[in-house]
Protein backbone atom coordinates (compact mmCIF):
# COMPACT_ATOMS: atom_id res chain seq x y z
CA MET A 1 -0.03 -0.03 0.03
CA ALA A 2 1.31 3.38 -0.93
CA VAL A 3 0.21 6.80 0.32
CA ILE A 4 -0.13 9.54 -2.40
CA LEU A 5 0.97 12.92 -1.34
CA THR A 6 -0.49 15.79 -3.26
CA VAL A 7 1.23 19.17 -2.64
CA VAL A 8 0.83 22.64 -4.11
CA LEU A 9 3.81 24.88 -3.46
CA THR A 10 3.37 28.65 -3.11
CA ARG A 11 5.96 30.59 -5.07
CA PRO A 12 7.68 33.74 -3.72
CA ASN A 13 5.89 35.94 -6.29
CA GLY A 14 2.47 34.69 -5.19
CA GLY A 15 2.02 32.18 -7.97
CA ALA A 16 2.01 28.54 -7.52
CA ALA A 17 3.13 25.33 -9.17
CA THR A 18 0.49 22.53 -9.49
CA ALA A 19 0.98 18.87 -8.67
CA GLU A 20 -2.12 17.66 -10.40
CA VAL A 21 -3.73 18.26 -13.77
CA PHE A 22 -7.00 16.98 -15.28
CA ALA A 23 -7.12 15.67 -18.83
CA GLU A 24 -10.26 16.80 -20.65
CA PRO A 25 -11.19 15.20 -23.94
CA THR A 26 -13.04 17.26 -26.63
CA GLY A 27 -16.39 15.80 -25.86
CA SER A 28 -16.25 16.11 -22.13
CA THR A 29 -18.66 18.48 -20.45
CA GLY A 30 -17.12 17.79 -17.00
CA GLN A 31 -18.99 17.50 -13.81
CA HIS A 32 -19.92 21.08 -13.02
CA PRO A 33 -20.27 23.03 -16.33
CA PHE A 34 -21.14 26.73 -16.24
CA THR A 35 -23.55 26.48 -19.27
CA GLN A 36 -24.95 24.20 -21.82
CA SER A 37 -22.61 23.48 -24.74
CA THR A 38 -22.17 26.23 -27.36
CA ALA A 39 -19.76 24.20 -29.46
CA ASN A 40 -20.56 23.98 -33.15
CA GLU A 41 -17.61 21.67 -33.81
CA SER A 42 -15.47 19.87 -31.32
CA THR A 43 -13.94 16.89 -32.88
CA PRO A 44 -10.71 15.29 -31.70
CA SER A 45 -7.63 16.16 -33.73
CA PRO A 46 -4.18 14.67 -33.72
CA SER A 47 -1.92 17.04 -31.67
CA ALA A 48 1.43 17.71 -33.40
CA THR A 49 4.57 17.61 -31.28
CA PRO A 50 5.42 21.22 -30.42
CA ARG A 51 9.01 22.48 -30.44
CA LYS A 52 10.33 23.28 -27.00
CA SER A 53 10.54 27.07 -26.34
CA GLY A 54 12.73 26.74 -23.30
CA GLY A 55 14.27 23.51 -21.89
CA THR A 56 11.26 21.21 -21.67
CA ARG A 57 8.70 23.96 -21.83
CA SER A 58 6.47 24.70 -24.79
CA ALA A 59 4.72 28.06 -24.70
CA PHE A 60 3.65 30.10 -27.76
CA HIS A 61 2.08 33.51 -28.30
CA GLY A 62 -1.58 33.43 -29.18
CA SER A 63 -0.88 35.05 -32.51
CA GLU A 64 1.31 32.14 -33.84
CA ALA A 65 0.17 30.58 -37.07
CA GLY A 66 -1.16 27.10 -36.65
CA LEU A 67 -1.72 27.37 -32.90
CA TYR A 68 -5.45 27.16 -33.66
CA GLY A 69 -7.56 25.45 -36.23
CA GLY A 70 -11.12 25.11 -37.48
CA SER A 71 -13.27 24.69 -40.59
CA GLN A 72 -13.44 27.49 -43.07
CA LYS A 73 -16.63 29.54 -42.88
CA THR A 74 -17.78 27.63 -39.72
CA ALA A 75 -17.52 29.23 -36.26
CA SER A 76 -16.42 26.69 -33.72
CA CYS A 77 -18.72 28.16 -31.02
CA ASP A 78 -21.90 30.17 -30.83
CA VAL A 79 -21.07 33.37 -28.90
CA ASP A 80 -24.78 34.48 -28.84
CA LYS A 81 -25.77 31.26 -27.17
CA GLN A 82 -23.14 31.79 -24.51
CA ILE A 83 -24.42 35.28 -23.79
CA SER A 84 -27.96 34.02 -23.60
CA TYR A 85 -27.05 31.15 -21.23
CA LEU A 86 -25.32 33.46 -18.83
CA LYS A 87 -27.99 36.16 -18.90
CA SER A 88 -30.63 33.53 -17.91
CA GLU A 89 -28.57 32.61 -14.74
CA PRO A 90 -27.37 35.74 -12.99
CA VAL A 91 -25.47 33.86 -10.26
CA LYS A 92 -23.41 32.04 -12.83
CA ASN A 93 -23.01 35.20 -14.77
CA ARG A 94 -21.46 36.85 -11.75
CA ALA A 95 -19.15 33.97 -11.09
CA PHE A 96 -18.10 33.94 -14.74
CA ALA A 97 -17.37 37.72 -14.68
CA GLY A 98 -15.36 37.33 -11.47
CA VAL A 99 -13.07 34.65 -12.92
CA LEU A 100 -12.19 36.97 -15.94
CA GLY A 101 -12.05 40.15 -13.84
CA LYS A 102 -15.06 41.74 -15.41
CA ALA A 103 -18.23 43.39 -14.18
CA PRO A 104 -21.30 41.14 -14.58
CA GLU A 105 -22.99 43.68 -16.84
CA ALA A 106 -19.83 43.74 -19.08
CA VAL A 107 -19.91 40.07 -19.91
CA PRO A 108 -21.95 40.36 -23.10
CA SER A 109 -19.75 42.99 -24.64
CA TYR A 110 -16.68 41.07 -23.48
CA LEU A 111 -17.80 37.88 -25.11
CA LYS A 112 -18.46 39.74 -28.38
CA THR A 113 -14.69 40.45 -28.51
CA LEU A 114 -13.76 36.77 -28.58
CA THR A 115 -13.03 34.57 -31.67
CA PRO A 116 -14.32 30.97 -31.92
CA VAL A 117 -11.57 28.48 -32.87
CA ARG A 118 -10.33 24.89 -32.24
CA LEU A 119 -7.24 23.98 -30.42
CA SER A 120 -4.50 22.48 -32.68
CA TYR A 121 -2.46 21.18 -29.72
CA ASP A 122 -3.21 19.62 -26.37
CA THR A 123 -3.24 22.80 -24.35
CA ARG A 124 -2.91 23.56 -20.66
CA VAL A 125 -5.26 26.09 -19.03
CA THR A 126 -6.58 26.98 -15.62
CA ASN A 127 -10.27 25.76 -15.95
CA HIS A 128 -13.19 26.84 -13.74
CA GLY A 129 -16.27 24.83 -12.88
CA PHE A 130 -19.34 26.06 -11.01
CA LYS A 131 -20.74 24.34 -7.86
CA ASP A 132 -22.64 25.49 -4.82
CA GLY A 133 -23.12 28.92 -6.23
CA ARG A 134 -19.48 29.79 -6.88
CA SER A 135 -16.59 28.94 -9.29
CA TYR A 136 -13.67 26.85 -8.40
CA ASP A 137 -10.40 26.42 -10.42
CA TYR A 138 -8.39 23.52 -11.48
CA GLN A 139 -5.68 22.72 -13.88
CA SER A 140 -6.58 21.09 -17.20
CA VAL A 141 -5.03 19.76 -20.37
CA LEU A 142 -7.61 20.23 -23.17
CA GLN A 143 -7.45 17.93 -26.06
CA ALA A 144 -6.51 19.19 -29.55
CA GLY A 145 -9.67 19.77 -31.41
CA THR A 146 -11.53 21.34 -28.49
CA ALA A 147 -13.68 24.40 -29.40
CA VAL A 148 -12.71 27.50 -27.52
CA MET A 149 -13.16 31.28 -27.67
CA VAL A 150 -9.92 33.17 -27.72
CA ASP A 151 -9.48 36.83 -26.72
CA PRO A 152 -7.82 39.57 -28.81
CA GLN A 153 -4.39 38.49 -27.61
CA GLY A 154 -5.06 34.89 -28.58
CA LEU A 155 -5.63 33.48 -25.11
CA PRO A 156 -8.30 30.80 -24.58
CA ARG A 157 -11.06 32.27 -22.49
CA VAL A 158 -14.05 30.01 -22.77
CA ARG A 159 -14.30 26.32 -23.30
CA CYS A 160 -17.38 25.99 -25.50
CA LYS A 161 -18.46 22.39 -24.60
CA CYS A 162 -19.22 23.48 -21.05
CA GLY A 163 -19.14 27.30 -21.01
CA ASN A 164 -16.39 27.34 -18.49
CA PRO A 165 -14.19 30.47 -18.19
CA LEU A 166 -10.49 29.80 -18.76
CA THR A 167 -7.38 31.62 -17.56
CA GLU A 168 -3.66 31.06 -18.04
CA PRO A 169 -2.18 27.81 -16.55
CA LYS A 170 0.09 27.42 -13.56
CA GLU A 171 3.46 25.90 -13.86
CA PHE A 172 3.81 22.12 -13.48
CA GLN A 173 5.78 20.65 -10.49
CA LYS A 174 8.18 17.94 -11.27
CA GLY A 175 6.23 14.74 -11.20
CA THR A 176 2.79 16.36 -11.72
CA ARG A 177 0.05 13.73 -12.06
CA THR A 178 -2.60 13.57 -14.63
CA ARG A 179 -6.07 12.62 -13.54
CA GLY A 180 -9.32 12.25 -15.59
CA GLN A 181 -9.65 10.62 -18.95
CA THR A 182 -6.78 10.67 -21.38
CA TRP A 183 -6.84 9.95 -25.02
CA PRO A 184 -4.67 7.93 -27.55
CA GLY A 185 -1.29 9.63 -27.95
CA TYR A 186 -1.72 11.78 -24.86
CA GLN A 187 1.66 12.83 -23.65
CA PRO A 188 1.69 15.55 -21.05
CA SER A 189 5.07 16.78 -21.95
CA ASN A 190 3.76 17.82 -25.36
CA SER A 191 0.93 19.97 -23.99
CA ILE A 192 1.48 23.67 -24.54
CA ALA A 193 0.63 26.91 -22.79
CA VAL A 194 -0.53 29.98 -24.59
CA LEU A 195 1.03 33.37 -23.93
CA PRO A 196 -0.60 36.71 -24.78
CA ALA A 197 0.31 38.10 -28.17
CA PRO A 198 2.36 41.30 -27.91
CA THR A 199 -0.26 43.14 -29.85
CA LYS A 200 -3.94 42.66 -30.69
CA VAL A 201 -4.52 39.94 -33.18
CA LYS A 202 -6.40 41.20 -36.20
CA GLU A 203 -6.37 37.83 -38.13
CA PHE A 204 -5.76 34.26 -36.97
CA THR A 205 -3.95 31.92 -39.28
CA LEU A 206 -5.83 28.66 -38.90
CA ARG A 207 -5.47 25.05 -40.29
CA ASN A 208 -8.26 22.76 -41.11
CA PRO A 209 -7.14 19.49 -39.57
CA GLN A 210 -9.52 17.47 -41.75
CA THR A 211 -8.31 18.85 -45.12
CA GLY A 212 -4.85 20.28 -44.23
CA THR A 213 -5.78 23.60 -45.86
CA TRP A 214 -4.89 26.93 -44.30
CA PHE A 215 -7.02 30.10 -44.01
CA LYS A 216 -7.14 33.51 -42.29
CA ARG A 217 -9.91 34.29 -39.79
CA PRO A 218 -10.59 37.91 -38.86
CA GLU A 219 -11.02 38.44 -35.08
CA GLY A 220 -14.47 38.43 -33.48
CA PRO A 221 -17.55 36.09 -33.08
CA LYS A 222 -18.43 36.47 -36.82
CA GLY A 223 -14.98 36.33 -38.22
CA SER A 224 -15.63 32.92 -39.79
CA GLU A 225 -17.97 34.60 -42.22
CA LYS A 226 -14.97 36.33 -43.69
CA ASP A 227 -12.48 33.39 -43.74
CA THR A 228 -10.14 33.52 -46.69
CA PRO A 229 -7.65 30.89 -47.96
CA THR A 230 -3.98 31.43 -47.39
CA ALA A 231 -0.62 29.73 -48.08
CA PRO A 232 0.88 27.57 -45.38
CA PRO A 233 3.04 29.60 -43.00
CA ALA A 234 6.77 29.29 -42.81
CA GLN A 235 6.64 28.27 -39.12
CA THR A 236 4.15 26.70 -36.72
CA PRO A 237 4.35 25.69 -33.11
CA SER A 238 5.73 22.41 -34.37
CA GLY A 239 8.18 23.78 -36.96
CA PRO A 240 7.47 24.06 -40.65
CA ALA A 241 3.93 23.68 -41.89
CA SER A 242 4.92 20.17 -43.17
CA SER A 243 5.46 19.10 -39.48
CA GLN A 244 1.67 19.14 -38.94
CA PRO A 245 -0.24 15.83 -38.67
CA PRO A 246 -1.63 14.57 -41.97
CA PRO A 247 -5.29 15.47 -42.80
CA TYR A 248 -7.74 12.89 -41.44
CA ARG A 249 -10.21 13.52 -44.29
CA ASP A 250 -13.58 11.88 -43.52
CA THR A 251 -12.54 9.85 -40.46
CA PRO A 252 -11.64 11.91 -37.35
CA PRO A 253 -9.49 10.29 -34.60
CA PRO A 254 -11.32 8.32 -31.90
CA ASP A 255 -13.29 10.42 -29.39
CA VAL A 256 -13.01 8.66 -26.09
CA SER A 257 -14.96 11.27 -24.29
CA SER A 258 -18.48 11.35 -25.61
CA GLY A 259 -21.37 8.83 -25.73
CA LYS A 260 -21.94 10.06 -29.29
CA PRO A 261 -20.08 8.51 -32.26
CA SER A 262 -17.13 10.45 -33.54
CA GLY A 263 -16.98 9.11 -37.02
CA THR A 264 -14.73 6.20 -36.05
CA SER A 265 -14.73 3.52 -33.41
CA ALA A 266 -12.42 4.17 -30.44
CA SER A 267 -9.62 1.75 -30.06
CA GLY A 268 -9.47 -0.14 -26.77
CA PRO A 269 -12.26 -0.38 -24.29
CA ASP A 270 -15.21 1.94 -24.40
CA THR A 271 -14.82 4.46 -21.60
CA SER A 272 -17.88 6.67 -22.27
CA SER A 273 -20.75 6.68 -19.92
CA ALA A 274 -23.91 4.84 -20.64
CA SER A 275 -25.89 8.09 -20.69
CA GLY A 276 -23.36 10.00 -22.72
CA THR A 277 -23.31 12.93 -20.26
CA ASN A 278 -20.86 13.88 -17.60
CA SER A 279 -18.81 11.03 -18.97
CA THR A 280 -15.39 12.44 -19.24
CA GLY A 281 -12.71 14.75 -18.13
CA PRO A 282 -13.08 15.41 -14.45
CA SER A 283 -15.80 12.93 -13.98
CA ASP A 284 -16.70 10.07 -11.71
CA THR A 285 -14.90 6.95 -12.64
CA SER A 286 -15.38 3.67 -10.91
CA SER A 287 -12.26 1.83 -9.81
CA SER A 288 -13.52 -1.23 -11.67
CA GLU A 289 -13.48 0.60 -15.11
CA THR A 290 -10.90 0.00 -17.62
CA GLY A 291 -9.56 2.08 -20.49
CA THR A 292 -8.43 5.64 -20.59
CA SER A 293 -9.64 6.71 -17.18
CA GLY A 294 -7.40 6.93 -14.17
CA THR A 295 -4.16 8.72 -13.22
CA THR A 296 -1.00 9.18 -15.15
CA ASP A 297 2.34 10.36 -13.96
CA THR A 298 3.29 13.34 -16.06
CA GLY A 299 6.96 13.37 -14.98
CA SER A 300 8.33 11.45 -17.88
CA PRO A 301 8.49 13.31 -21.14
CA SER A 302 9.01 10.10 -23.01
CA GLU A 303 5.84 8.54 -21.74
CA THR A 304 2.94 8.03 -24.09
CA THR A 305 -0.20 6.81 -22.60
CA GLY A 306 -3.82 6.34 -23.26
CA GLY A 307 -4.41 6.66 -19.59
CA SER A 308 -3.23 4.23 -17.00
CA SER A 309 -5.76 2.91 -14.59
CA GLU A 310 -5.27 3.03 -10.81
CA THR A 311 -7.71 2.08 -8.07
CA GLY A 312 -9.18 4.99 -6.27
CA GLY A 313 -12.14 7.24 -6.19
CA SER A 314 -13.61 9.84 -8.63
CA THR A 315 -11.73 11.70 -11.22
CA GLU A 316 -13.77 14.72 -10.60
CA PRO A 317 -11.67 17.83 -9.74
CA PRO A 318 -12.21 19.05 -6.12
CA ALA A 319 -15.11 21.51 -6.13
CA SER A 320 -15.00 22.90 -2.63
CA THR A 321 -12.83 25.96 -1.70
CA THR A 322 -10.24 26.04 1.06
CA GLU A 323 -8.35 28.98 2.26
CA GLY A 324 -4.60 28.92 2.80
CA SER A 325 -1.78 26.89 1.46
CA LYS A 326 -1.67 23.32 2.73
CA THR A 327 -0.03 20.07 2.24
CA THR A 328 -2.56 17.22 2.00
CA THR A 329 -1.85 13.63 2.49
CA GLY A 330 -4.21 11.41 0.56
CA ALA A 331 -5.91 8.12 1.07
CA THR A 332 -3.96 4.97 0.45
CA THR A 333 -4.11 3.36 -2.99
CA GLU A 334 -3.03 0.03 -4.20
CA GLY A 335 0.04 -0.45 -6.31
CA SER A 336 3.29 1.43 -6.40
CA GLU A 337 3.68 5.18 -6.75
CA THR A 338 5.74 6.53 -9.56
CA THR A 339 6.74 10.18 -9.93
CA GLY A 340 9.64 12.00 -11.46
CA GLY A 341 11.11 12.81 -14.77
CA SER A 342 11.68 16.22 -16.17
CA THR A 343 9.16 18.99 -15.74
CA PRO A 344 6.52 18.36 -18.46
CA GLY A 345 5.66 20.78 -21.28
CA GLY A 346 4.65 23.68 -19.17
CA GLY A 347 4.67 27.19 -20.59
CA GLU A 348 5.15 30.30 -18.58
CA GLU A 349 2.87 30.34 -15.69
CA SER A 350 0.12 32.86 -15.24
CA GLY A 351 1.47 33.84 -11.86
CA GLY A 352 -1.15 32.52 -9.52
CA GLY A 353 -4.86 32.09 -9.45
CA SER A 354 -7.32 33.72 -11.70
CA PRO A 355 -8.78 37.14 -10.72
CA GLY A 356 -11.96 37.01 -8.81
CA SER A 357 -12.47 33.32 -9.00
CA GLY A 358 -14.38 31.48 -6.27
CA GLY A 359 -11.27 29.82 -5.03
CA SER A 360 -8.88 27.00 -5.85
CA PRO A 361 -9.97 23.45 -5.62
CA GLY A 362 -9.95 22.40 -2.00
CA GLY A 363 -9.82 19.16 -0.17
CA GLY A 364 -12.71 17.03 0.75
CA GLU A 365 -13.97 16.15 -2.75
CA GLU A 366 -13.31 12.80 -4.06
CA THR A 367 -10.20 12.68 -6.14
CA PRO A 368 -8.27 9.48 -7.07
CA GLY A 369 -5.67 8.58 -4.64
CA SER A 370 -6.00 11.74 -2.56
CA SER A 371 -8.34 13.56 -0.33
CA GLY A 372 -7.93 16.75 -2.32
CA THR A 373 -5.46 19.29 -3.59
CA ALA A 374 -4.44 22.20 -1.48
CA PRO A 375 -5.38 25.46 -3.01
CA ALA A 376 -2.94 27.46 -5.08
CA THR A 377 -2.54 30.86 -3.37
């Protein structure tokens, strides 16, 4: 029997490194979404291997060509729906505004500055769920193909499948563990962080992962209506444009996260829930289930996993809030504990928690192998 120790270290500048990250496939709504889905397209895409921008870290400005993708003339998300959903629930609207440092009445106008796209790379963010009348934050890796809304500096700000507000990620600790449901080819050291572009992005250079074609998308919720074809860029986050994964044409990669067919059968055991809802990402997973759910040690850059299984409780991120910085010892779990390796893939950290959020994930909620994660302060 081994005891899992989950620790969040407070950094001198007020930021924090994280010891735990949740893998969230494209089709996952998560346990505590802010709103209904506004995603028009959210199909898994192969994530290219990013070049390292500093040691083992991969971080790229939001203006970089190929960082995002989509389908020409198709908005990945419906911004008007997001506005409507939040307007209908004032408590959620206030929490959403607080996460992003906005006044509640400013949310509609803010959302109208965002551009719907799809992630081209597995991407690290600080995600925010909604429970018990307030937001809580947790670290996520979002699968390539996930529909998001990005701000004028190219930062992901809304995850469209669940309406969750997003902020910049925290730095990984050495040996950070992945929880939740991973996907074929998931390799935490290859996840990227997005940095704010030095200037406002007027046009995003996107790639259609299905066809391999490139196009320009003007900023804003209706930018897709003015998409125009363009030549492949000289460089992408992976290197030359030729370094991108081949087009998948009519058969997208397996979607392990949704009860709905993704266009191809997933390899390996079926890990979607019977109902097709609340089935993935930070979701409840029985210790008897097999497949892509469970925990993964992110410490080894060379590790490729479809998600290792480990006995334990739920893969739901802690939803309660706790004040202060603590070290939490978890419940015992069967099997040996492995950590270590070089620090995975993290970009430059955001420097602490998001503004105005309802708090970091606290202890007490069921999380595999631990009784919770101490809040990042």
